[in-house]
Structures are given as C-alpha cells and as structure tokens.
Amino acid sequence: MLQRSKIIRSRDEWKLKAVQRAEEIREHRKTQRRYRQRIAQLQTEIRALEQTAEKKTHWYPPQVGISLT
C-alpha cells in the first residue's frame, strides 16, 4: 500500500500541473482575443480606405468652357 505522504505528493504534483495548464490556456485565449480584435480593427480600416478610394475614382473634373447661364 502506498504511504500517505506519497499519495499527497502525487496529488499536489497533479494539481500544480493542472493549474499551470489552466494558466497557459487562459493566456492563449487572451492572446487570441487580442488578435481577433486587432484583425477586426484592421478590416474596418481597410473598408474605410476602400470606400474613400471608390469616391476618388468616381470624381469627374469640371468641364472648362461650358457656361451654365
């Protein structure tokens, strides 16, 4: 039969590994969330730039020599 101290030590090692694993997973999720937010921000910037580029391409210069009266 295992001694009580061996069982307790084994259990403590298991708990420590579980806590470390949980911290790693938590940090990974935080990093992923930051990346997703940054990607969304960049996508909105790209859309805004594309819209301004479309507005510039549809601009027609004024015709010289035509009177409106």
N, C-alpha and C. Protein backbone atom coordinates (compact mmCIF):
# COMPACT_ATOMS: atom_id res chain seq x y z
N MET A 1 0.82 -1.17 0.00
CA MET A 1 0.00 0.00 0.00
C MET A 1 0.88 1.25 0.00
N LEU A 2 0.42 2.26 -0.72
CA LEU A 2 1.18 3.50 -0.78
C LEU A 2 1.11 4.24 0.54
N GLN A 3 2.20 4.88 0.83
CA GLN A 3 2.19 5.68 2.04
C GLN A 3 1.39 6.96 1.80
N ARG A 4 0.88 7.48 2.87
CA ARG A 4 0.05 8.67 2.77
C ARG A 4 0.83 9.85 2.17
N SER A 5 2.09 10.01 2.52
CA SER A 5 2.89 11.14 2.01
C SER A 5 3.08 11.03 0.49
N LYS A 6 3.22 9.82 -0.02
CA LYS A 6 3.38 9.64 -1.47
C LYS A 6 2.09 10.02 -2.19
N ILE A 7 0.97 9.66 -1.63
CA ILE A 7 -0.32 9.97 -2.24
C ILE A 7 -0.52 11.48 -2.25
N ILE A 8 -0.22 12.13 -1.14
CA ILE A 8 -0.39 13.58 -1.05
C ILE A 8 0.54 14.29 -2.03
N ARG A 9 1.80 13.85 -2.10
CA ARG A 9 2.76 14.47 -3.01
C ARG A 9 2.31 14.28 -4.46
N SER A 10 1.85 13.11 -4.80
CA SER A 10 1.37 12.84 -6.14
C SER A 10 0.18 13.73 -6.47
N ARG A 11 -0.71 13.89 -5.54
CA ARG A 11 -1.89 14.74 -5.74
C ARG A 11 -1.48 16.19 -5.90
N ASP A 12 -0.51 16.64 -5.11
CA ASP A 12 -0.05 18.03 -5.22
C ASP A 12 0.61 18.28 -6.57
N GLU A 13 1.38 17.33 -7.06
CA GLU A 13 2.01 17.48 -8.38
C GLU A 13 0.94 17.55 -9.47
N TRP A 14 -0.08 16.73 -9.35
CA TRP A 14 -1.16 16.74 -10.34
C TRP A 14 -1.89 18.08 -10.33
N LYS A 15 -2.16 18.61 -9.11
CA LYS A 15 -2.84 19.89 -9.00
C LYS A 15 -2.00 21.01 -9.59
N LEU A 16 -0.70 20.98 -9.34
CA LEU A 16 0.20 22.01 -9.87
C LEU A 16 0.20 21.98 -11.39
N LYS A 17 0.27 20.80 -11.98
CA LYS A 17 0.23 20.68 -13.43
C LYS A 17 -1.09 21.20 -13.99
N ALA A 18 -2.17 20.89 -13.31
CA ALA A 18 -3.50 21.33 -13.77
C ALA A 18 -3.60 22.86 -13.72
N VAL A 19 -3.08 23.46 -12.66
CA VAL A 19 -3.12 24.91 -12.54
C VAL A 19 -2.27 25.56 -13.62
N GLN A 20 -1.09 25.03 -13.87
CA GLN A 20 -0.22 25.58 -14.92
C GLN A 20 -0.88 25.46 -16.29
N ARG A 21 -1.47 24.32 -16.54
CA ARG A 21 -2.14 24.10 -17.82
C ARG A 21 -3.30 25.09 -18.00
N ALA A 22 -4.05 25.32 -16.94
CA ALA A 22 -5.16 26.26 -17.00
C ALA A 22 -4.67 27.69 -17.26
N GLU A 23 -3.56 28.06 -16.65
CA GLU A 23 -2.99 29.39 -16.87
C GLU A 23 -2.52 29.55 -18.32
N GLU A 24 -1.91 28.52 -18.86
CA GLU A 24 -1.47 28.57 -20.26
C GLU A 24 -2.66 28.71 -21.20
N ILE A 25 -3.71 27.97 -20.94
CA ILE A 25 -4.91 28.04 -21.77
C ILE A 25 -5.54 29.43 -21.67
N ARG A 26 -5.59 29.97 -20.47
CA ARG A 26 -6.17 31.30 -20.25
C ARG A 26 -5.37 32.36 -21.01
N GLU A 27 -4.04 32.29 -20.92
CA GLU A 27 -3.19 33.25 -21.64
C GLU A 27 -3.36 33.10 -23.15
N HIS A 28 -3.50 31.88 -23.61
CA HIS A 28 -3.71 31.64 -25.04
C HIS A 28 -5.01 32.28 -25.50
N ARG A 29 -6.06 32.13 -24.71
CA ARG A 29 -7.35 32.72 -25.06
C ARG A 29 -7.27 34.24 -25.10
N LYS A 30 -6.57 34.82 -24.13
CA LYS A 30 -6.41 36.28 -24.10
C LYS A 30 -5.67 36.77 -25.34
N THR A 31 -4.62 36.05 -25.71
CA THR A 31 -3.85 36.42 -26.89
C THR A 31 -4.70 36.31 -28.14
N GLN A 32 -5.44 35.23 -28.25
CA GLN A 32 -6.32 35.04 -29.41
C GLN A 32 -7.36 36.16 -29.49
N ARG A 33 -7.93 36.54 -28.35
CA ARG A 33 -8.92 37.60 -28.32
C ARG A 33 -8.31 38.92 -28.79
N ARG A 34 -7.08 39.23 -28.34
CA ARG A 34 -6.40 40.45 -28.80
C ARG A 34 -6.16 40.41 -30.30
N TYR A 35 -5.74 39.26 -30.81
CA TYR A 35 -5.51 39.14 -32.25
C TYR A 35 -6.80 39.32 -33.03
N ARG A 36 -7.89 38.72 -32.57
CA ARG A 36 -9.18 38.87 -33.27
C ARG A 36 -9.63 40.32 -33.28
N GLN A 37 -9.45 41.02 -32.15
CA GLN A 37 -9.83 42.43 -32.09
C GLN A 37 -8.97 43.26 -33.04
N ARG A 38 -7.70 42.98 -33.10
CA ARG A 38 -6.80 43.73 -34.00
C ARG A 38 -7.17 43.46 -35.46
N ILE A 39 -7.49 42.23 -35.78
CA ILE A 39 -7.90 41.88 -37.14
C ILE A 39 -9.18 42.63 -37.51
N ALA A 40 -10.14 42.66 -36.61
CA ALA A 40 -11.39 43.37 -36.87
C ALA A 40 -11.13 44.86 -37.07
N GLN A 41 -10.25 45.43 -36.28
CA GLN A 41 -9.92 46.84 -36.41
C GLN A 41 -9.28 47.11 -37.77
N LEU A 42 -8.36 46.27 -38.17
CA LEU A 42 -7.70 46.46 -39.46
C LEU A 42 -8.68 46.28 -40.62
N GLN A 43 -9.62 45.36 -40.48
CA GLN A 43 -10.61 45.16 -41.53
C GLN A 43 -11.50 46.39 -41.68
N THR A 44 -11.88 47.02 -40.57
CA THR A 44 -12.69 48.22 -40.68
C THR A 44 -11.89 49.35 -41.32
N GLU A 45 -10.60 49.45 -41.01
CA GLU A 45 -9.76 50.46 -41.64
C GLU A 45 -9.65 50.20 -43.14
N ILE A 46 -9.52 48.96 -43.53
CA ILE A 46 -9.43 48.62 -44.95
C ILE A 46 -10.72 49.00 -45.66
N ARG A 47 -11.86 48.70 -45.05
CA ARG A 47 -13.15 49.06 -45.67
C ARG A 47 -13.27 50.58 -45.84
N ALA A 48 -12.86 51.32 -44.82
CA ALA A 48 -12.93 52.78 -44.90
C ALA A 48 -12.02 53.30 -46.01
N LEU A 49 -10.83 52.75 -46.13
CA LEU A 49 -9.91 53.18 -47.18
C LEU A 49 -10.44 52.81 -48.56
N GLU A 50 -11.06 51.65 -48.68
CA GLU A 50 -11.63 51.25 -49.96
C GLU A 50 -12.77 52.18 -50.36
N GLN A 51 -13.58 52.58 -49.38
CA GLN A 51 -14.68 53.49 -49.69
C GLN A 51 -14.16 54.85 -50.13
N THR A 52 -13.13 55.36 -49.50
CA THR A 52 -12.57 56.65 -49.92
C THR A 52 -11.92 56.52 -51.29
N ALA A 53 -11.34 55.37 -51.57
CA ALA A 53 -10.74 55.16 -52.89
C ALA A 53 -11.82 55.12 -53.97
N GLU A 54 -12.97 54.51 -53.67
CA GLU A 54 -14.08 54.48 -54.63
C GLU A 54 -14.61 55.88 -54.88
N LYS A 55 -14.71 56.69 -53.85
CA LYS A 55 -15.19 58.05 -54.02
C LYS A 55 -14.24 58.84 -54.92
N LYS A 56 -12.96 58.62 -54.79
CA LYS A 56 -11.99 59.35 -55.60
C LYS A 56 -12.03 58.90 -57.05
N THR A 57 -12.34 57.66 -57.30
CA THR A 57 -12.36 57.18 -58.69
C THR A 57 -13.60 57.67 -59.42
N HIS A 58 -14.68 58.02 -58.71
CA HIS A 58 -15.90 58.48 -59.34
C HIS A 58 -15.94 60.00 -59.49
N TRP A 59 -14.89 60.65 -59.16
CA TRP A 59 -14.85 62.10 -59.25
C TRP A 59 -14.60 62.50 -60.69
N TYR A 60 -15.38 63.44 -61.18
CA TYR A 60 -15.21 63.93 -62.53
C TYR A 60 -14.74 65.37 -62.48
N PRO A 61 -13.71 65.71 -63.23
CA PRO A 61 -13.21 67.09 -63.20
C PRO A 61 -14.22 68.03 -63.88
N PRO A 62 -14.29 69.27 -63.46
CA PRO A 62 -15.22 70.21 -64.09
C PRO A 62 -14.81 70.48 -65.54
N GLN A 63 -15.80 70.64 -66.39
CA GLN A 63 -15.51 70.92 -67.80
C GLN A 63 -15.31 72.40 -67.97
N VAL A 64 -14.26 72.75 -68.63
CA VAL A 64 -13.92 74.16 -68.82
C VAL A 64 -14.59 74.64 -70.11
N GLY A 65 -15.11 75.86 -70.10
CA GLY A 65 -15.68 76.46 -71.28
C GLY A 65 -17.18 76.30 -71.41
N ILE A 66 -17.83 75.61 -70.50
CA ILE A 66 -19.28 75.45 -70.57
C ILE A 66 -19.90 76.45 -69.60
N SER A 67 -20.78 77.28 -70.12
CA SER A 67 -21.45 78.25 -69.24
C SER A 67 -22.78 77.67 -68.81
N LEU A 68 -23.16 77.97 -67.62
CA LEU A 68 -24.40 77.45 -67.06
C LEU A 68 -25.56 78.43 -67.18
N THR A 69 -25.34 79.59 -67.78
CA THR A 69 -26.41 80.57 -67.89
C THR A 69 -27.15 80.49 -69.18
